[in-house]
Amino acid sequence: MPIWNAKEECLDGEERAQLQLERLQSTLNRAYKNVPFYRNLLQANGIEPARIETLTDLQNIPFTAREHFSENYPYGLFAVPLRDVVRIHISQGTALKPIVSGFTKSDLVVWRELVARALFAAGMSKTDILQIDVDPGLINWGRAYKDGAEAIESSVIPLTILTPEKQLMLLRDYKTSVLITSHSAATQMMHLVFRANLNPNELALKTVILLGEPPDVAVQERLKDELHVRTWVHYGLSEVPGPALAFECEARQGLHVSEDHFFPEVVDPETGRGVSEGEAGELVLTTLSTRAFPLIRLRTGDRVRLVPGTCTCGRTLERIEWLPSRTDEMMVIRGVKIHPQQILYLLERTLGFLPDAYRFLIRSEELRDFLEVWLKVDEALFSDEVKGMERLCLRLGKELTQELGVPVKIRLKEEGSFQPLGPSHHIEDLRQQSPY
């Protein structure tokens, strides 16, 4: 089975634990010294980095949550001077302020290697042509995959935001052999292939790497049967920031976490305590080698379980099973994470007020996932001119699409449309009900 760097990916348990501890202590010291947020957090809880003597001691440190990014916007969580930051990434936050993260030159080298590791595990080589098709909300991931593929010496078609039809044209004409995309976009591509009366045997495509959402076995089976490709799953996190920090290998026994650079924990989302081996919970990550933007015990909101035992591929990296649904209110559309509160902030900024009632529906139309926002028609939104209300919907939809990086449609509804949705509050996922 292909392994990019056997020395790093196949360390025995004691060697890896020692490496993790050394890197953890270095990370804690750097964060304590250079990031006021972490210094104050540790001091408030009576913790000094020197007291973290084992990996288990990490559990004594409070979590980092998404709201902390907004509170420390833009550079409050950086651990190096800005002159040492060679790349700055911006991703969606939970409010109007985005999450700003950065890379030093050495950070970029590490991330390039991690993405190459994941791509190599999927069988990519220098003979492949890679096409990256993700929504604008994941544009930073496109750069990371380009860098990782170039490390393998593969040919790369850099991320370009095109219509699905144009993406198919590139796939056919450029002889793409590896496609990186979301489950939704892959399903749409499959539909377009047959609608264009194109026989899959005419394509050079052999590998599809799926990201942004937990594995959908039904989608993977359809891609395999109808496009004659193999599918692989990558897990990433924009806040860390980047893709492929966990990846599927040939054995298909879970996703290997690059735990030489990230320390994973699985906790009960209600209590914050670690769960028993093999039990499902929320994934918590601590960066171990990141210099510019160290994160300590970041709550991801993703539901996983640690896979016990060793993998037959030979890697000793910890494995996770990535599970459907989340532990928070975050919506995932075409791989892009969107928090409801962020939508409310954007609506209030544009309208000047917050509508009395609203609902968020995740739909699929011609196999393209999108967000539909219902707003209650009241005196503030009502207009005698139908065209005026239509223009308002178009303007709001355009602005939210641009801000969120996924397609958004606005619908004005009467009060009777807003019935309670139970524990999901204002969110309803209708994708499984799609006739496609």
Protein backbone atom coordinates (compact mmCIF):
# COMPACT_ATOMS: atom_id res chain seq x y z
CA MET A 1 0.00 0.00 0.00
CA PRO A 2 1.37 3.47 -0.88
CA ILE A 3 2.83 5.40 2.08
CA TRP A 4 4.24 8.87 1.50
CA ASN A 5 6.60 8.95 4.49
CA ALA A 6 6.83 5.61 6.29
CA LYS A 7 9.17 7.02 8.95
CA GLU A 8 6.54 9.52 10.13
CA GLU A 9 3.38 7.53 9.41
CA CYS A 10 4.50 4.23 10.92
CA LEU A 11 6.12 5.21 14.23
CA ASP A 12 5.50 2.79 17.09
CA GLY A 13 3.25 3.88 19.94
CA GLU A 14 5.97 4.97 22.37
CA GLU A 15 7.90 6.94 19.77
CA ARG A 16 4.78 8.76 18.60
CA ALA A 17 3.65 9.56 22.15
CA GLN A 18 7.07 11.01 22.95
CA LEU A 19 7.02 13.07 19.73
CA GLN A 20 3.52 14.33 20.52
CA LEU A 21 4.46 15.29 24.08
CA GLU A 22 7.55 17.20 22.96
CA ARG A 23 5.59 19.07 20.31
CA LEU A 24 2.70 19.71 22.69
CA GLN A 25 4.99 21.24 25.30
CA SER A 26 6.59 23.42 22.62
CA THR A 27 3.16 24.54 21.40
CA LEU A 28 1.94 25.35 24.92
CA ASN A 29 5.07 27.35 25.72
CA ARG A 30 4.80 29.32 22.49
CA ALA A 31 1.08 30.03 22.97
CA TYR A 32 1.58 30.99 26.64
CA LYS A 33 4.41 33.35 25.77
CA ASN A 34 2.97 34.98 22.64
CA VAL A 35 -0.85 34.69 22.70
CA PRO A 36 -2.54 36.74 25.47
CA PHE A 37 -5.76 34.74 25.10
CA TYR A 38 -4.05 31.48 25.98
CA ARG A 39 -1.86 33.00 28.68
CA ASN A 40 -4.91 34.49 30.40
CA LEU A 41 -6.89 31.27 29.93
CA LEU A 42 -4.19 29.14 31.52
CA GLN A 43 -3.50 31.59 34.34
CA ALA A 44 -7.22 31.88 35.14
CA ASN A 45 -7.28 28.11 35.63
CA GLY A 46 -4.02 27.95 37.58
CA ILE A 47 -2.16 26.11 34.82
CA GLU A 48 1.43 26.62 33.75
CA PRO A 49 2.82 24.93 30.62
CA ALA A 50 5.49 23.24 32.74
CA ARG A 51 2.74 21.38 34.62
CA ILE A 52 1.63 19.59 31.45
CA GLU A 53 3.96 16.62 31.82
CA THR A 54 1.90 13.96 30.05
CA LEU A 55 -0.54 13.90 27.14
CA THR A 56 -3.32 13.12 29.62
CA ASP A 57 -2.61 16.40 31.44
CA LEU A 58 -3.90 18.23 28.37
CA GLN A 59 -7.43 17.45 29.60
CA ASN A 60 -6.95 20.01 32.39
CA ILE A 61 -6.86 22.87 29.88
CA PRO A 62 -10.21 24.48 28.92
CA PHE A 63 -11.49 24.20 25.34
CA THR A 64 -11.05 26.70 22.54
CA ALA A 65 -14.46 27.49 21.00
CA ARG A 66 -15.44 29.19 17.75
CA GLU A 67 -16.57 32.37 19.49
CA HIS A 68 -13.00 32.89 20.65
CA PHE A 69 -11.99 33.56 17.04
CA SER A 70 -14.36 36.51 16.79
CA GLU A 71 -13.32 37.82 20.21
CA ASN A 72 -9.68 37.85 19.10
CA TYR A 73 -10.21 39.11 15.53
CA PRO A 74 -8.11 39.66 13.49
CA TYR A 75 -4.64 38.71 14.75
CA GLY A 76 -5.18 38.08 18.47
CA LEU A 77 -4.50 34.32 18.24
CA PHE A 78 -1.30 34.64 16.19
CA ALA A 79 1.82 33.43 17.99
CA VAL A 80 4.41 35.05 15.71
CA PRO A 81 5.02 38.60 14.46
CA LEU A 82 3.14 39.46 11.29
CA ARG A 83 6.45 39.83 9.47
CA ASP A 84 6.87 36.06 9.85
CA VAL A 85 3.43 35.29 8.40
CA VAL A 86 3.69 34.55 4.67
CA ARG A 87 0.06 33.61 4.03
CA ILE A 88 -3.22 34.69 5.63
CA HIS A 89 -6.43 32.68 5.30
CA ILE A 90 -9.96 33.89 5.93
CA SER A 91 -12.84 31.48 6.59
CA GLN A 92 -16.41 31.65 7.89
CA GLY A 93 -16.93 32.41 11.57
CA THR A 94 -20.07 32.36 13.71
CA ALA A 95 -20.62 36.12 13.39
CA LEU A 96 -19.87 38.90 10.91
CA LYS A 97 -16.18 38.72 11.72
CA PRO A 98 -14.42 35.95 9.79
CA ILE A 99 -11.84 33.57 11.18
CA VAL A 100 -8.38 34.82 10.30
CA SER A 101 -5.52 32.32 10.42
CA GLY A 102 -1.95 32.46 9.17
CA PHE A 103 1.02 30.41 8.06
CA THR A 104 4.73 30.85 8.48
CA LYS A 105 6.98 29.53 5.75
CA SER A 106 7.59 26.37 7.78
CA ASP A 107 3.82 25.95 8.35
CA LEU A 108 3.26 25.90 4.60
CA VAL A 109 5.94 23.26 4.17
CA VAL A 110 4.29 21.06 6.81
CA TRP A 111 0.82 21.47 5.31
CA ARG A 112 2.13 20.71 1.83
CA GLU A 113 3.54 17.44 3.17
CA LEU A 114 0.31 16.55 4.99
CA VAL A 115 -1.81 17.03 1.87
CA ALA A 116 0.72 15.09 -0.21
CA ARG A 117 0.50 12.30 2.38
CA ALA A 118 -3.27 12.11 2.01
CA LEU A 119 -3.22 12.27 -1.79
CA PHE A 120 -0.53 9.61 -2.02
CA ALA A 121 -2.62 7.31 0.17
CA ALA A 122 -5.37 7.63 -2.47
CA GLY A 123 -2.97 6.31 -5.09
CA MET A 124 -2.07 9.63 -6.73
CA SER A 125 1.24 9.84 -8.60
CA LYS A 126 3.08 12.15 -10.97
CA THR A 127 1.21 10.61 -13.91
CA ASP A 128 -2.13 11.98 -12.66
CA ILE A 129 -3.98 15.14 -13.64
CA LEU A 130 -5.84 16.66 -10.69
CA GLN A 131 -8.94 18.84 -10.97
CA ILE A 132 -10.23 20.74 -7.93
CA ASP A 133 -13.94 21.60 -7.88
CA VAL A 134 -15.10 23.17 -4.61
CA ASP A 135 -17.36 26.10 -3.76
CA PRO A 136 -15.95 29.57 -2.99
CA GLY A 137 -16.34 28.89 0.73
CA LEU A 138 -13.51 26.33 0.47
CA ILE A 139 -11.23 28.29 -1.83
CA ASN A 140 -8.33 28.08 0.66
CA TRP A 141 -8.53 24.30 0.50
CA GLY A 142 -8.06 24.50 -3.26
CA ARG A 143 -4.67 26.14 -2.75
CA ALA A 144 -3.62 23.50 -0.23
CA TYR A 145 -4.55 20.65 -2.56
CA LYS A 146 -2.68 22.31 -5.42
CA ASP A 147 0.47 22.55 -3.29
CA GLY A 148 0.17 18.96 -2.07
CA ALA A 149 -0.37 17.58 -5.56
CA GLU A 150 2.60 19.51 -6.88
CA ALA A 151 4.73 17.92 -4.14
CA ILE A 152 3.83 14.56 -5.70
CA GLU A 153 4.65 16.09 -9.11
CA SER A 154 1.12 15.55 -10.37
CA SER A 155 -0.30 17.92 -12.96
CA VAL A 156 -2.84 20.29 -11.43
CA ILE A 157 -5.74 22.28 -12.85
CA PRO A 158 -5.93 25.01 -10.16
CA LEU A 159 -9.26 25.79 -8.59
CA THR A 160 -11.40 27.95 -10.84
CA ILE A 161 -14.99 28.80 -9.96
CA LEU A 162 -16.97 27.59 -12.98
CA THR A 163 -20.46 26.30 -13.71
CA PRO A 164 -20.89 22.52 -13.35
CA GLU A 165 -21.16 22.25 -17.13
CA LYS A 166 -17.79 23.96 -17.58
CA GLN A 167 -16.25 21.72 -14.92
CA LEU A 168 -17.43 18.70 -16.89
CA MET A 169 -15.91 20.17 -20.05
CA LEU A 170 -12.55 20.46 -18.28
CA LEU A 171 -12.91 16.96 -16.89
CA ARG A 172 -13.41 15.57 -20.38
CA ASP A 173 -11.07 17.73 -22.46
CA TYR A 174 -8.14 17.93 -20.01
CA LYS A 175 -8.15 14.17 -19.31
CA THR A 176 -8.63 14.63 -15.57
CA SER A 177 -7.80 11.44 -13.67
CA VAL A 178 -8.39 12.67 -10.08
CA LEU A 179 -11.26 14.92 -9.01
CA ILE A 180 -11.47 16.61 -5.60
CA THR A 181 -14.95 17.79 -4.71
CA SER A 182 -17.88 17.49 -2.29
CA HIS A 183 -20.49 14.70 -2.23
CA SER A 184 -23.10 17.06 -3.64
CA ALA A 185 -20.93 18.31 -6.50
CA ALA A 186 -19.76 14.77 -7.33
CA THR A 187 -23.37 13.59 -7.58
CA GLN A 188 -24.19 16.54 -9.81
CA MET A 189 -21.20 15.79 -12.04
CA MET A 190 -22.35 12.18 -12.39
CA HIS A 191 -25.80 13.39 -13.42
CA LEU A 192 -24.32 15.79 -16.00
CA VAL A 193 -22.17 13.05 -17.56
CA PHE A 194 -25.22 11.03 -18.49
CA ARG A 195 -27.34 14.03 -19.39
CA ALA A 196 -24.62 15.02 -21.88
CA ASN A 197 -24.83 11.51 -23.36
CA LEU A 198 -21.18 10.99 -22.40
CA ASN A 199 -20.06 7.42 -21.77
CA PRO A 200 -17.94 7.27 -18.57
CA ASN A 201 -15.50 5.03 -20.46
CA GLU A 202 -14.58 8.08 -22.56
CA LEU A 203 -13.27 9.84 -19.46
CA ALA A 204 -9.82 9.42 -17.91
CA LEU A 205 -11.32 9.84 -14.43
CA LYS A 206 -10.38 7.04 -12.03
CA THR A 207 -10.35 8.64 -8.57
CA VAL A 208 -12.77 10.95 -6.74
CA ILE A 209 -11.72 12.43 -3.40
CA LEU A 210 -14.68 13.60 -1.33
CA LEU A 211 -14.37 16.30 1.33
CA GLY A 212 -16.36 18.58 3.58
CA GLU A 213 -19.00 16.09 4.75
CA PRO A 214 -19.10 12.68 6.47
CA PRO A 215 -18.97 9.68 4.12
CA ASP A 216 -22.20 8.95 2.26
CA VAL A 217 -22.02 5.27 1.36
CA ALA A 218 -24.91 5.49 -1.11
CA VAL A 219 -23.21 8.30 -3.05
CA GLN A 220 -19.90 6.46 -3.06
CA GLU A 221 -21.51 3.29 -4.40
CA ARG A 222 -23.26 5.21 -7.18
CA LEU A 223 -20.02 6.93 -8.19
CA LYS A 224 -18.26 3.58 -8.26
CA ASP A 225 -20.98 1.86 -10.30
CA GLU A 226 -21.88 4.64 -12.71
CA LEU A 227 -18.58 6.50 -13.25
CA HIS A 228 -16.32 3.48 -12.69
CA VAL A 229 -14.16 5.33 -10.15
CA ARG A 230 -12.78 4.73 -6.67
CA THR A 231 -13.77 7.16 -3.97
CA TRP A 232 -11.73 8.35 -1.00
CA VAL A 233 -12.73 10.53 1.95
CA HIS A 234 -10.67 13.37 3.44
CA TYR A 235 -11.44 15.25 6.67
CA GLY A 236 -10.40 18.84 7.15
CA LEU A 237 -11.13 21.91 9.21
CA SER A 238 -10.94 25.50 7.97
CA GLU A 239 -10.10 26.79 11.46
CA VAL A 240 -6.95 24.65 11.80
CA PRO A 241 -6.75 25.69 8.91
CA GLY A 242 -6.98 23.28 5.99
CA PRO A 243 -8.01 20.00 4.42
CA ALA A 244 -6.80 16.42 4.64
CA LEU A 245 -5.65 16.36 8.26
CA ALA A 246 -7.35 12.93 8.31
CA PHE A 247 -7.55 10.66 5.28
CA GLU A 248 -8.71 7.29 4.06
CA CYS A 249 -6.19 4.60 3.12
CA GLU A 250 -6.45 1.51 0.93
CA ALA A 251 -7.71 -0.60 3.86
CA ARG A 252 -10.88 1.52 4.26
CA GLN A 253 -10.88 1.03 8.04
CA GLY A 254 -11.41 4.62 9.10
CA LEU A 255 -9.63 7.91 8.46
CA HIS A 256 -6.03 8.22 9.64
CA VAL A 257 -5.40 11.39 11.66
CA SER A 258 -2.01 12.99 11.08
CA GLU A 259 -1.46 12.84 14.82
CA ASP A 260 2.21 13.68 14.53
CA HIS A 261 0.89 17.22 13.84
CA PHE A 262 -2.55 17.15 15.55
CA PHE A 263 -3.51 15.57 18.85
CA PRO A 264 -7.07 14.19 18.70
CA GLU A 265 -9.47 13.71 21.60
CA VAL A 266 -13.07 12.51 21.58
CA VAL A 267 -15.25 14.03 24.30
CA ASP A 268 -18.86 13.93 25.41
CA PRO A 269 -20.32 17.11 23.87
CA GLU A 270 -22.46 17.71 26.96
CA THR A 271 -19.91 17.18 29.74
CA GLY A 272 -16.65 17.80 27.88
CA ARG A 273 -15.15 14.66 29.41
CA GLY A 274 -13.39 12.01 27.36
CA VAL A 275 -15.52 9.08 26.19
CA SER A 276 -14.71 5.38 26.43
CA GLU A 277 -12.74 3.74 23.64
CA GLY A 278 -14.90 3.24 20.56
CA GLU A 279 -17.68 5.50 21.88
CA ALA A 280 -18.97 8.33 19.70
CA GLY A 281 -18.39 11.94 20.72
CA GLU A 282 -17.13 15.32 19.59
CA LEU A 283 -13.69 15.58 18.00
CA VAL A 284 -11.32 17.99 19.78
CA LEU A 285 -8.02 18.91 18.13
CA THR A 286 -4.78 20.46 19.36
CA THR A 287 -2.15 21.57 16.87
CA LEU A 288 1.33 20.20 17.60
CA SER A 289 3.58 21.73 14.95
CA THR A 290 1.77 24.90 13.83
CA ARG A 291 3.85 27.98 14.56
CA ALA A 292 1.77 30.96 13.40
CA PHE A 293 -1.67 29.87 14.61
CA PRO A 294 -1.54 27.29 17.42
CA LEU A 295 -4.89 26.03 18.67
CA ILE A 296 -5.34 24.20 21.96
CA ARG A 297 -8.25 21.82 22.44
CA LEU A 298 -10.42 23.24 19.66
CA ARG A 299 -13.98 21.91 19.72
CA THR A 300 -14.74 20.97 16.11
CA GLY A 301 -18.44 20.12 16.41
CA ASP A 302 -17.82 16.99 14.33
CA ARG A 303 -19.08 13.65 15.63
CA VAL A 304 -16.54 10.83 15.42
CA ARG A 305 -15.41 7.71 17.21
CA LEU A 306 -11.88 6.42 17.52
CA VAL A 307 -11.36 3.13 15.70
CA PRO A 308 -9.57 0.64 18.00
CA GLY A 309 -6.72 -1.62 16.93
CA THR A 310 -4.14 -1.20 14.19
CA CYS A 311 -4.75 -0.71 10.49
CA THR A 312 -3.70 -3.37 8.00
CA CYS A 313 -2.12 -0.68 5.80
CA GLY A 314 0.89 -0.48 8.12
CA ARG A 315 0.30 3.07 9.34
CA THR A 316 0.16 3.49 13.10
CA LEU A 317 -1.67 6.83 12.93
CA GLU A 318 -4.87 6.94 14.99
CA ARG A 319 -8.07 6.41 13.00
CA ILE A 320 -11.49 8.00 13.32
CA GLU A 321 -14.89 7.06 11.98
CA TRP A 322 -16.52 10.30 10.82
CA LEU A 323 -20.21 10.16 11.72
CA PRO A 324 -23.27 11.97 10.29
CA SER A 325 -24.82 14.95 12.08
CA ARG A 326 -22.99 17.40 14.32
CA THR A 327 -22.86 18.32 17.98
CA ASP A 328 -23.66 21.98 17.26
CA GLU A 329 -26.02 24.01 15.05
CA MET A 330 -23.52 24.38 12.23
CA MET A 331 -24.96 23.58 8.79
CA VAL A 332 -22.75 21.90 6.18
CA ILE A 333 -23.64 22.69 2.56
CA ARG A 334 -21.41 21.41 -0.24
CA GLY A 335 -18.67 21.00 2.34
CA VAL A 336 -18.92 24.61 3.60
CA LYS A 337 -19.80 25.12 7.28
CA ILE A 338 -22.33 27.86 8.05
CA HIS A 339 -23.57 28.90 11.47
CA PRO A 340 -27.18 30.17 11.71
CA GLN A 341 -26.07 33.12 13.82
CA GLN A 342 -23.86 34.30 10.98
CA ILE A 343 -26.88 34.40 8.64
CA LEU A 344 -28.84 36.43 11.19
CA TYR A 345 -26.00 38.94 11.51
CA LEU A 346 -25.88 39.32 7.73
CA LEU A 347 -29.66 39.78 7.48
CA GLU A 348 -29.67 42.39 10.22
CA ARG A 349 -26.76 44.23 8.63
CA THR A 350 -28.48 44.39 5.24
CA LEU A 351 -32.07 45.01 6.37
CA GLY A 352 -31.31 47.14 9.39
CA PHE A 353 -33.44 44.87 11.58
CA LEU A 354 -33.95 41.18 12.32
CA PRO A 355 -37.16 39.62 10.91
CA ASP A 356 -39.69 38.38 13.47
CA ALA A 357 -39.61 34.83 12.10
CA TYR A 358 -37.19 32.94 9.90
CA ARG A 359 -36.31 29.42 8.83
CA PHE A 360 -33.28 27.84 7.16
CA LEU A 361 -33.89 24.98 4.76
CA ILE A 362 -31.14 22.97 3.09
CA ARG A 363 -32.43 21.81 -0.28
CA SER A 364 -31.21 20.11 -3.42
CA GLU A 365 -32.26 21.18 -6.91
CA GLU A 366 -30.93 19.26 -9.90
CA LEU A 367 -28.48 17.67 -7.46
CA ARG A 368 -27.06 21.03 -6.39
CA ASP A 369 -27.35 21.73 -2.68
CA PHE A 370 -28.31 25.23 -1.64
CA LEU A 371 -29.62 27.17 1.34
CA GLU A 372 -33.14 28.55 1.28
CA VAL A 373 -33.95 31.26 3.82
CA TRP A 374 -37.58 31.94 4.70
CA LEU A 375 -38.43 35.33 6.14
CA LYS A 376 -41.80 36.30 7.57
CA VAL A 377 -43.55 39.04 5.64
CA ASP A 378 -44.43 41.84 8.04
CA GLU A 379 -44.83 45.61 7.78
CA ALA A 380 -41.08 46.10 7.54
CA LEU A 381 -40.72 43.75 4.56
CA PHE A 382 -44.11 44.20 2.85
CA SER A 383 -44.34 46.26 -0.30
CA ASP A 384 -47.31 47.06 -2.54
CA GLU A 385 -45.06 46.37 -5.50
CA VAL A 386 -44.42 42.69 -6.15
CA LYS A 387 -41.36 43.58 -8.19
CA GLY A 388 -39.95 45.50 -5.24
CA MET A 389 -40.22 42.44 -3.01
CA GLU A 390 -38.68 40.29 -5.74
CA ARG A 391 -35.74 42.70 -6.00
CA LEU A 392 -35.27 42.55 -2.24
CA CYS A 393 -35.13 38.73 -2.32
CA LEU A 394 -32.64 38.75 -5.18
CA ARG A 395 -30.44 41.34 -3.44
CA LEU A 396 -30.45 39.45 -0.15
CA GLY A 397 -29.78 36.14 -1.88
CA LYS A 398 -26.89 37.57 -3.86
CA GLU A 399 -25.29 39.12 -0.79
CA LEU A 400 -25.60 35.98 1.32
CA THR A 401 -24.27 33.82 -1.53
CA GLN A 402 -21.22 36.05 -1.77
CA GLU A 403 -20.65 36.17 1.98
CA LEU A 404 -21.24 32.48 2.73
CA GLY A 405 -19.70 30.92 -0.37
CA VAL A 406 -22.70 28.68 -1.16
CA PRO A 407 -25.88 29.31 -3.21
CA VAL A 408 -28.62 31.07 -1.21
CA LYS A 409 -32.25 31.77 -2.14
CA ILE A 410 -34.58 34.05 -0.17
CA ARG A 411 -38.30 33.37 0.17
CA LEU A 412 -40.85 35.68 1.82
CA LYS A 413 -43.52 33.67 3.63
CA GLU A 414 -46.68 34.37 5.61
CA GLU A 415 -46.84 33.73 9.35
CA GLY A 416 -48.55 30.35 8.98
CA SER A 417 -45.43 28.90 7.33
CA PHE A 418 -43.41 29.13 10.54
CA GLN A 419 -44.43 26.15 12.64
CA PRO A 420 -42.10 24.87 15.40
CA LEU A 421 -39.45 22.43 14.19
CA GLY A 422 -38.70 20.80 17.54
CA PRO A 423 -35.08 20.43 18.69
CA SER A 424 -33.68 21.63 15.34
CA HIS A 425 -35.29 25.05 15.97
CA HIS A 426 -35.07 26.98 12.69
CA ILE A 427 -33.12 24.45 10.59
CA GLU A 428 -34.58 21.78 8.32
CA ASP A 429 -32.51 19.53 6.03
CA LEU A 430 -34.64 18.42 3.07
CA ARG A 431 -31.87 16.96 0.94
CA GLN A 432 -32.83 13.36 1.69
CA GLN A 433 -36.32 14.12 0.40
CA SER A 434 -35.02 15.22 -3.00
CA PRO A 435 -36.51 13.30 -5.96
CA TYR A 436 -33.00 13.06 -7.39
